[in-house]
Amino acid sequence: MQTRTVDQSPRRRLVHLVLFGLVVAYAALLIATFVMGIWLIGADGRPIGVDFVSFWAAGKLVLQGHAVDAYDWVVHKTVATAAGIDIKGRFTFQYPPTFLLVTPTLALLPYPAAMLLWTAFGMTLYLFAVRLIAGGWNATLVALAWPAVLWNTVVGQTGFLTAALLGAGIALIDRRPALAGVLFGLLTVKPQFGLLIPIALVAGGRWKVVIWAAVSALALAAASTVMLGAASWTAFLDSASRINDAILTAGGADFSKLQSLYGYLRALGFGSEAAWLAHGAFVLLLAAGVAWLWRSAAAFDLKAAGLAAATILASPYAFIYDFVMLALPLLFLGRTGFSGKEVAVVVAAALLVGWGPADHLATGLLAGILVLGIVAARAYSAQAAHLGSIDRRAKLQP
């Protein structure tokens, strides 16, 4: 059996102090950048456009009865600039119409206030999911100190929401299967993170969760169609195709910012076909591993950690703010503690995520692989122990 670290009071206090210090440092940094006029509101008094502007502007268009125009890149930007938001470049709305159902509420507020509300709302959901997974002050500190929290907060992205839906969904699979399915259905607002969830559920025989996930996803799609019109889906599909060409093929967002195997290979100079082939093979490997793990007799925490880690790695379209969800496998694994070597791996992963996008290294991708490595090592040890137990029982039989 793998040895876990012993809970020593002085060490525990030191860890608490470091984690609390990181959280305070994040808050201080945000306050300092706000005062300096380089975050949220500029020195000239104009709101600074970051990723969140795409949600806010889309919400404005929905309120005006022009949901389809949320996918028009020119009109979308015009709405934001007309409101006096300082925008450099373009922030396109890249989500299905199901996400448009949320945006009108945000657009009822001025842009800076809406972004703060969105961040607070997402963080609340994220911490609720953390409580479902591990609970207690320790887990909350770990979740808040995870470096991707700062990355997501700065740009007002969806990292908190996706981590909350994925984490709570996995945590409730056996406790509240219907609710877990609904949460997975809601996660379809970012469909790239749903590649491996059905595989885990089917392999593990969680059919009730599968049914509820399908029903909730279809209901959400139907609601968006009724409220926004079928044309919104046509516009989304057309826009998604153009965005994929611009970002995944042409590299309009800078390949080095993509924290996926596909993005990393493109940043290194590989062509689109070679990168897709490698990423596809990687996804198949992840899918096989998830299926094996969820069919095995491994502990649920290990299965949950494996699914959470593999989910972020499987998506070809993942940015550093999406790696808020990489805290989830660590929370599941942490319920049984970490060995000394595992602690070193976790620290390395945290440093990589905190480092952020780099020109020659997909830091998020590498961090995810390190965390998945912990899962794989534990799964190997658990399987070896299981086979050893079977062998011993067989020898004892007359």
Protein backbone atom coordinates (compact mmCIF):
# COMPACT_ATOMS: atom_id res chain seq x y z
CA MET A 1 0.00 0.00 0.00
CA GLN A 2 1.12 3.54 -0.74
CA THR A 3 2.23 5.55 2.27
CA ARG A 4 0.44 8.85 2.84
CA THR A 5 1.83 11.85 4.65
CA VAL A 6 1.23 11.93 8.38
CA ASP A 7 -0.87 14.85 9.59
CA GLN A 8 1.61 16.76 11.71
CA SER A 9 0.26 19.87 13.39
CA PRO A 10 3.22 22.22 12.66
CA ARG A 11 3.28 21.13 9.03
CA ARG A 12 -0.47 21.55 8.78
CA ARG A 13 -0.28 25.07 10.18
CA LEU A 14 2.47 25.92 7.69
CA VAL A 15 0.37 24.65 4.79
CA HIS A 16 -2.61 26.69 6.03
CA LEU A 17 -0.43 29.77 6.27
CA VAL A 18 0.92 29.35 2.73
CA LEU A 19 -2.53 28.75 1.25
CA PHE A 20 -4.05 31.67 3.11
CA GLY A 21 -1.14 33.84 2.02
CA LEU A 22 -1.78 32.96 -1.62
CA VAL A 23 -5.46 33.86 -1.35
CA VAL A 24 -4.58 37.20 0.26
CA ALA A 25 -1.96 37.80 -2.44
CA TYR A 26 -4.53 37.20 -5.18
CA ALA A 27 -6.93 39.68 -3.58
CA ALA A 28 -4.17 42.25 -3.08
CA LEU A 29 -3.06 41.89 -6.69
CA LEU A 30 -6.58 42.42 -8.00
CA ILE A 31 -7.06 45.49 -5.80
CA ALA A 32 -3.69 46.91 -6.85
CA THR A 33 -4.35 46.43 -10.56
CA PHE A 34 -7.80 48.01 -10.16
CA VAL A 35 -6.33 51.05 -8.41
CA MET A 36 -3.64 51.32 -11.09
CA GLY A 37 -6.29 51.32 -13.80
CA ILE A 38 -5.19 48.14 -15.54
CA TRP A 39 -8.03 45.84 -14.48
CA LEU A 40 -11.80 46.26 -14.72
CA ILE A 41 -11.73 50.06 -15.17
CA GLY A 42 -8.92 51.89 -16.97
CA ALA A 43 -7.13 55.02 -15.88
CA ASP A 44 -9.34 56.99 -18.30
CA GLY A 45 -12.46 55.77 -16.51
CA ARG A 46 -13.55 53.44 -19.33
CA PRO A 47 -14.33 49.79 -18.56
CA ILE A 48 -11.58 47.47 -19.80
CA GLY A 49 -12.77 44.77 -22.16
CA VAL A 50 -11.77 41.24 -21.21
CA ASP A 51 -13.33 37.86 -22.07
CA PHE A 52 -16.43 38.61 -20.00
CA VAL A 53 -17.44 41.32 -22.47
CA SER A 54 -18.62 38.57 -24.84
CA PHE A 55 -21.22 37.41 -22.30
CA TRP A 56 -22.34 40.95 -21.45
CA ALA A 57 -22.67 42.10 -25.05
CA ALA A 58 -24.51 38.90 -26.00
CA GLY A 59 -26.93 39.53 -23.14
CA LYS A 60 -27.60 43.04 -24.45
CA LEU A 61 -28.51 41.63 -27.84
CA VAL A 62 -30.84 39.05 -26.29
CA LEU A 63 -32.61 41.78 -24.33
CA GLN A 64 -33.04 43.74 -27.56
CA GLY A 65 -34.63 40.70 -29.20
CA HIS A 66 -31.67 40.02 -31.48
CA ALA A 67 -30.20 36.82 -30.03
CA VAL A 68 -28.97 35.72 -33.47
CA ASP A 69 -26.74 38.79 -33.66
CA ALA A 70 -24.75 37.54 -30.67
CA TYR A 71 -22.95 35.34 -33.22
CA ASP A 72 -22.30 38.23 -35.61
CA TRP A 73 -18.72 39.26 -34.83
CA VAL A 74 -19.13 42.83 -36.07
CA VAL A 75 -22.46 43.55 -34.37
CA HIS A 76 -21.28 41.88 -31.18
CA LYS A 77 -18.25 44.15 -30.92
CA THR A 78 -20.30 47.23 -31.82
CA VAL A 79 -22.56 46.66 -28.81
CA ALA A 80 -19.58 46.66 -26.46
CA THR A 81 -17.80 49.66 -27.99
CA ALA A 82 -21.07 51.65 -28.03
CA ALA A 83 -21.20 51.18 -24.26
CA GLY A 84 -17.77 52.80 -23.94
CA ILE A 85 -15.88 49.58 -23.21
CA ASP A 86 -12.22 49.71 -24.22
CA ILE A 87 -11.69 46.70 -26.47
CA LYS A 88 -8.47 45.65 -28.13
CA GLY A 89 -9.08 42.97 -30.71
CA ARG A 90 -12.31 40.99 -30.81
CA PHE A 91 -14.23 38.98 -28.22
CA THR A 92 -16.59 36.61 -29.99
CA PHE A 93 -19.44 34.72 -28.36
CA GLN A 94 -18.53 31.06 -28.78
CA TYR A 95 -21.20 29.28 -26.74
CA PRO A 96 -24.40 27.47 -27.77
CA PRO A 97 -27.75 29.26 -27.40
CA THR A 98 -28.30 27.43 -24.12
CA PHE A 99 -25.74 29.77 -22.55
CA LEU A 100 -27.58 32.78 -23.98
CA LEU A 101 -30.34 32.05 -21.47
CA VAL A 102 -27.99 33.23 -18.71
CA THR A 103 -26.57 36.34 -20.33
CA PRO A 104 -29.60 38.72 -20.17
CA THR A 105 -29.40 38.84 -16.37
CA LEU A 106 -25.79 39.98 -16.61
CA ALA A 107 -26.62 42.63 -19.18
CA LEU A 108 -29.10 44.31 -16.83
CA LEU A 109 -26.13 45.71 -14.89
CA PRO A 110 -23.30 48.03 -15.95
CA TYR A 111 -20.38 46.05 -17.36
CA PRO A 112 -17.99 46.29 -14.34
CA ALA A 113 -20.71 45.42 -11.83
CA ALA A 114 -21.93 42.57 -14.01
CA MET A 115 -18.43 41.11 -14.22
CA LEU A 116 -18.02 41.23 -10.44
CA LEU A 117 -21.44 39.61 -9.96
CA TRP A 118 -20.61 36.89 -12.49
CA THR A 119 -17.32 36.16 -10.75
CA ALA A 120 -18.91 36.07 -7.29
CA PHE A 121 -21.73 33.82 -8.53
CA GLY A 122 -19.34 31.42 -10.23
CA MET A 123 -17.00 31.29 -7.25
CA THR A 124 -19.92 30.54 -4.93
CA LEU A 125 -20.95 27.59 -7.10
CA TYR A 126 -17.34 26.44 -7.27
CA LEU A 127 -16.95 26.49 -3.50
CA PHE A 128 -20.26 24.68 -3.10
CA ALA A 129 -18.94 21.91 -5.34
CA VAL A 130 -15.72 21.87 -3.31
CA ARG A 131 -17.77 21.35 -0.17
CA LEU A 132 -19.57 18.42 -1.77
CA ILE A 133 -16.25 16.84 -2.68
CA ALA A 134 -14.21 17.39 0.46
CA GLY A 135 -15.81 19.96 2.74
CA GLY A 136 -14.07 21.80 5.54
CA TRP A 137 -11.80 24.80 5.74
CA ASN A 138 -8.81 22.94 4.31
CA ALA A 139 -10.54 22.15 1.04
CA THR A 140 -11.85 25.70 0.71
CA LEU A 141 -8.36 27.13 1.13
CA VAL A 142 -6.92 24.70 -1.41
CA ALA A 143 -9.68 25.56 -3.90
CA LEU A 144 -9.22 29.32 -3.52
CA ALA A 145 -5.41 29.15 -3.58
CA TRP A 146 -5.33 27.11 -6.80
CA PRO A 147 -3.58 29.47 -9.29
CA ALA A 148 -6.15 29.11 -12.06
CA VAL A 149 -8.60 30.91 -9.75
CA LEU A 150 -6.69 34.13 -10.33
CA TRP A 151 -6.45 33.59 -14.09
CA ASN A 152 -10.21 33.05 -14.33
CA THR A 153 -11.06 36.03 -12.12
CA VAL A 154 -8.93 38.45 -14.14
CA VAL A 155 -10.78 37.74 -17.40
CA GLY A 156 -14.24 36.91 -15.99
CA GLN A 157 -14.40 33.57 -17.76
CA THR A 158 -16.41 30.36 -17.18
CA GLY A 159 -13.76 28.43 -15.25
CA PHE A 160 -15.70 28.57 -11.98
CA LEU A 161 -18.96 27.48 -13.60
CA THR A 162 -17.52 24.50 -15.48
CA ALA A 163 -15.54 23.35 -12.45
CA ALA A 164 -18.66 23.62 -10.29
CA LEU A 165 -20.85 21.63 -12.70
CA LEU A 166 -18.23 18.95 -13.29
CA GLY A 167 -17.15 18.67 -9.65
CA ALA A 168 -20.64 18.62 -8.14
CA GLY A 169 -21.87 16.28 -10.86
CA ILE A 170 -19.14 13.73 -10.18
CA ALA A 171 -19.48 14.05 -6.39
CA LEU A 172 -23.23 13.34 -6.59
CA ILE A 173 -23.12 10.40 -9.01
CA ASP A 174 -23.84 7.82 -6.32
CA ARG A 175 -25.49 10.08 -3.71
CA ARG A 176 -27.96 11.94 -5.96
CA PRO A 177 -27.81 10.36 -9.44
CA ALA A 178 -30.71 12.39 -10.86
CA LEU A 179 -29.18 15.70 -9.75
CA ALA A 180 -25.77 14.58 -11.01
CA GLY A 181 -27.31 13.92 -14.41
CA VAL A 182 -28.93 17.35 -14.48
CA LEU A 183 -25.59 19.01 -13.69
CA PHE A 184 -23.87 17.09 -16.48
CA GLY A 185 -26.67 18.17 -18.79
CA LEU A 186 -26.05 21.80 -17.86
CA LEU A 187 -22.35 21.32 -18.62
CA THR A 188 -23.31 21.08 -22.30
CA VAL A 189 -23.02 24.88 -22.37
CA LYS A 190 -19.33 24.01 -22.90
CA PRO A 191 -19.68 20.76 -24.84
CA GLN A 192 -15.92 20.27 -25.31
CA PHE A 193 -15.74 19.17 -21.67
CA GLY A 194 -18.30 16.39 -22.08
CA LEU A 195 -16.26 14.01 -24.22
CA LEU A 196 -15.40 11.47 -21.52
CA ILE A 197 -18.29 11.79 -19.06
CA PRO A 198 -20.63 9.42 -20.99
CA ILE A 199 -17.82 6.87 -21.28
CA ALA A 200 -17.27 6.86 -17.50
CA LEU A 201 -20.98 6.65 -16.74
CA VAL A 202 -21.64 3.81 -19.18
CA ALA A 203 -18.53 1.89 -18.11
CA GLY A 204 -19.56 2.28 -14.47
CA GLY A 205 -23.17 1.30 -15.14
CA ARG A 206 -24.58 4.61 -13.89
CA TRP A 207 -27.53 4.49 -16.28
CA LYS A 208 -29.80 6.69 -14.19
CA VAL A 209 -27.24 9.49 -14.40
CA VAL A 210 -26.96 8.98 -18.17
CA ILE A 211 -30.72 9.24 -18.63
CA TRP A 212 -31.05 12.39 -16.52
CA ALA A 213 -28.07 13.99 -18.27
CA ALA A 214 -29.63 13.35 -21.69
CA VAL A 215 -33.05 14.58 -20.59
CA SER A 216 -31.70 17.77 -19.01
CA ALA A 217 -29.47 18.55 -22.00
CA LEU A 218 -32.37 18.10 -24.41
CA ALA A 219 -34.68 20.15 -22.19
CA LEU A 220 -32.14 22.97 -22.03
CA ALA A 221 -31.72 22.92 -25.81
CA ALA A 222 -35.49 22.92 -26.28
CA ALA A 223 -35.93 25.85 -23.89
CA SER A 224 -33.35 27.89 -25.76
CA THR A 225 -35.02 27.07 -29.08
CA VAL A 226 -38.44 28.13 -27.82
CA MET A 227 -37.18 31.33 -26.18
CA LEU A 228 -34.57 32.41 -28.74
CA GLY A 229 -35.68 30.73 -31.94
CA ALA A 230 -34.23 27.95 -34.04
CA ALA A 231 -32.24 30.52 -36.01
CA SER A 232 -30.00 31.01 -32.97
CA TRP A 233 -28.78 27.43 -33.37
CA THR A 234 -28.10 27.91 -37.06
CA ALA A 235 -26.14 31.08 -36.27
CA PHE A 236 -24.21 29.27 -33.54
CA LEU A 237 -23.20 26.38 -35.80
CA ASP A 238 -22.08 28.78 -38.52
CA SER A 239 -20.14 30.90 -36.03
CA ALA A 240 -18.60 27.83 -34.38
CA SER A 241 -17.27 26.68 -37.74
CA ARG A 242 -15.71 30.09 -38.43
CA ILE A 243 -14.26 30.32 -34.91
CA ASN A 244 -12.74 26.86 -35.19
CA ASP A 245 -11.14 27.87 -38.47
CA ALA A 246 -9.86 31.12 -36.96
CA ILE A 247 -8.57 29.69 -33.66
CA LEU A 248 -7.88 25.98 -34.10
CA THR A 249 -6.72 26.12 -37.72
CA ALA A 250 -5.33 29.61 -38.31
CA GLY A 251 -4.19 30.23 -34.73
CA GLY A 252 -5.99 33.55 -34.34
CA ALA A 253 -5.84 33.33 -30.55
CA ASP A 254 -2.15 32.27 -30.53
CA PHE A 255 -1.54 28.53 -30.36
CA SER A 256 0.69 28.95 -27.31
CA LYS A 257 -2.37 30.04 -25.32
CA LEU A 258 -4.17 26.77 -26.04
CA GLN A 259 -3.42 24.40 -23.18
CA SER A 260 -4.13 21.20 -25.09
CA LEU A 261 -1.96 18.67 -26.87
CA TYR A 262 -3.33 19.94 -30.18
CA GLY A 263 -2.51 23.55 -29.34
CA TYR A 264 0.96 22.66 -28.05
CA LEU A 265 1.86 20.75 -31.20
CA ARG A 266 0.62 23.61 -33.39
CA ALA A 267 2.69 26.05 -31.32
CA LEU A 268 5.74 23.86 -31.98
CA GLY A 269 5.14 24.15 -35.70
CA PHE A 270 3.27 20.93 -36.52
CA GLY A 271 0.56 21.07 -39.16
CA SER A 272 -3.14 20.82 -38.41
CA GLU A 273 -3.54 17.21 -39.60
CA ALA A 274 -0.60 15.90 -37.58
CA ALA A 275 -1.74 17.76 -34.47
CA TRP A 276 -5.31 16.47 -34.80
CA LEU A 277 -4.05 12.92 -35.32
CA ALA A 278 -1.90 13.09 -32.19
CA HIS A 279 -4.64 14.70 -30.12
CA GLY A 280 -7.18 12.15 -31.34
CA ALA A 281 -4.89 9.29 -30.32
CA PHE A 282 -4.41 10.97 -26.94
CA VAL A 283 -8.18 11.25 -26.42
CA LEU A 284 -8.61 7.57 -27.30
CA LEU A 285 -5.97 6.68 -24.72
CA LEU A 286 -7.71 8.83 -22.10
CA ALA A 287 -11.07 7.28 -22.98
CA ALA A 288 -9.69 3.75 -22.64
CA GLY A 289 -8.14 4.63 -19.29
CA VAL A 290 -11.35 6.19 -17.98
CA ALA A 291 -13.42 3.22 -19.16
CA TRP A 292 -11.04 0.74 -17.51
CA LEU A 293 -10.92 2.72 -14.28
CA TRP A 294 -14.69 3.06 -14.00
CA ARG A 295 -15.19 -0.64 -14.70
CA SER A 296 -12.62 -1.61 -12.10
CA ALA A 297 -13.02 -2.15 -8.37
CA ALA A 298 -11.05 1.01 -7.58
CA ALA A 299 -12.32 3.40 -4.91
CA PHE A 300 -14.78 6.03 -6.07
CA ASP A 301 -12.40 8.88 -5.18
CA LEU A 302 -9.84 7.47 -7.60
CA LYS A 303 -12.43 7.06 -10.35
CA ALA A 304 -13.66 10.61 -9.78
CA ALA A 305 -10.15 12.05 -9.87
CA GLY A 306 -9.35 10.18 -13.06
CA LEU A 307 -12.46 11.44 -14.84
CA ALA A 308 -11.94 15.04 -13.69
CA ALA A 309 -8.29 15.12 -14.77
CA ALA A 310 -8.93 13.41 -18.10
CA THR A 311 -11.85 15.74 -18.91
CA ILE A 312 -9.70 18.86 -19.07
CA LEU A 313 -6.95 17.08 -21.01
CA ALA A 314 -9.31 15.65 -23.63
CA SER A 315 -10.53 19.01 -24.90
CA PRO A 316 -8.55 20.48 -27.81
CA TYR A 317 -10.00 23.88 -26.91
CA ALA A 318 -8.82 24.68 -23.39
CA PHE A 319 -7.24 27.81 -21.97
CA ILE A 320 -5.47 28.40 -18.67
CA TYR A 321 -8.64 29.70 -16.97
CA ASP A 322 -10.33 26.36 -17.71
CA PHE A 323 -7.79 24.70 -15.43
CA VAL A 324 -9.77 25.77 -12.38
CA MET A 325 -11.27 22.29 -12.81
CA LEU A 326 -7.81 20.72 -12.35
CA ALA A 327 -8.30 21.43 -8.64
CA LEU A 328 -11.10 18.85 -8.65
CA PRO A 329 -8.97 15.68 -9.01
CA LEU A 330 -6.66 16.99 -6.29
CA LEU A 331 -9.62 17.43 -3.94
CA PHE A 332 -10.84 13.90 -4.63
CA LEU A 333 -7.34 12.46 -4.19
CA GLY A 334 -6.78 14.56 -1.08
CA ARG A 335 -9.60 12.84 0.78
CA THR A 336 -7.13 10.04 1.53
CA GLY A 337 -4.06 12.25 1.80
CA PHE A 338 -0.90 12.52 -0.29
CA SER A 339 2.46 10.85 -0.04
CA GLY A 340 5.61 12.97 0.06
CA LYS A 341 6.32 12.32 -3.62
CA GLU A 342 2.75 13.16 -4.55
CA VAL A 343 2.98 16.46 -2.68
CA ALA A 344 5.99 17.37 -4.81
CA VAL A 345 4.02 16.56 -7.98
CA VAL A 346 1.05 18.65 -6.80
CA VAL A 347 3.31 21.63 -6.06
CA ALA A 348 4.91 21.31 -9.51
CA ALA A 349 1.47 21.23 -11.14
CA ALA A 350 0.39 24.32 -9.19
CA LEU A 351 3.53 26.20 -10.20
CA LEU A 352 2.95 25.34 -13.85
CA VAL A 353 -0.65 26.56 -13.77
CA GLY A 354 0.45 29.70 -11.92
CA TRP A 355 3.14 30.30 -14.54
CA GLY A 356 0.46 30.45 -17.20
CA PRO A 357 0.78 30.30 -20.98
CA ALA A 358 4.34 30.17 -22.28
CA ASP A 359 5.68 30.37 -25.82
CA HIS A 360 7.40 26.97 -25.79
CA LEU A 361 5.57 25.03 -23.07
CA ALA A 362 1.88 24.23 -22.57
CA THR A 363 2.06 24.61 -18.80
CA GLY A 364 -1.58 23.70 -18.20
CA LEU A 365 -1.29 20.56 -20.30
CA LEU A 366 1.83 19.45 -18.42
CA ALA A 367 0.17 20.19 -15.06
CA GLY A 368 -2.81 18.06 -16.06
CA ILE A 369 -0.56 15.18 -17.10
CA LEU A 370 1.26 15.36 -13.76
CA VAL A 371 -2.03 15.14 -11.84
CA LEU A 372 -3.23 12.32 -14.06
CA GLY A 373 0.07 10.59 -13.32
CA ILE A 374 -0.83 10.48 -9.64
CA VAL A 375 -4.15 8.88 -10.54
CA ALA A 376 -2.44 6.32 -12.78
CA ALA A 377 0.13 5.43 -10.12
CA ARG A 378 -2.56 4.92 -7.50
CA ALA A 379 -4.70 2.90 -9.91
CA TYR A 380 -1.73 0.65 -10.67
CA SER A 381 -1.04 0.13 -6.96
CA ALA A 382 -4.70 -0.58 -6.25
CA GLN A 383 -4.91 -3.07 -9.12
CA ALA A 384 -1.72 -4.84 -7.99
CA ALA A 385 -3.06 -5.07 -4.45
CA HIS A 386 -6.40 -6.40 -5.74
CA LEU A 387 -4.73 -9.08 -7.86
CA GLY A 388 -2.44 -10.00 -4.97
CA SER A 389 -5.46 -10.44 -2.71
CA ILE A 390 -7.15 -12.71 -5.24
CA ASP A 391 -3.98 -14.78 -5.57
CA ARG A 392 -3.66 -15.17 -1.80
CA ARG A 393 -7.28 -16.27 -1.47
CA ALA A 394 -6.79 -18.81 -4.26
CA LYS A 395 -3.78 -20.31 -2.49
CA LEU A 396 -5.72 -20.64 0.75
CA GLN A 397 -8.49 -22.63 -0.91
CA PRO A 398 -8.17 -26.44 -0.57
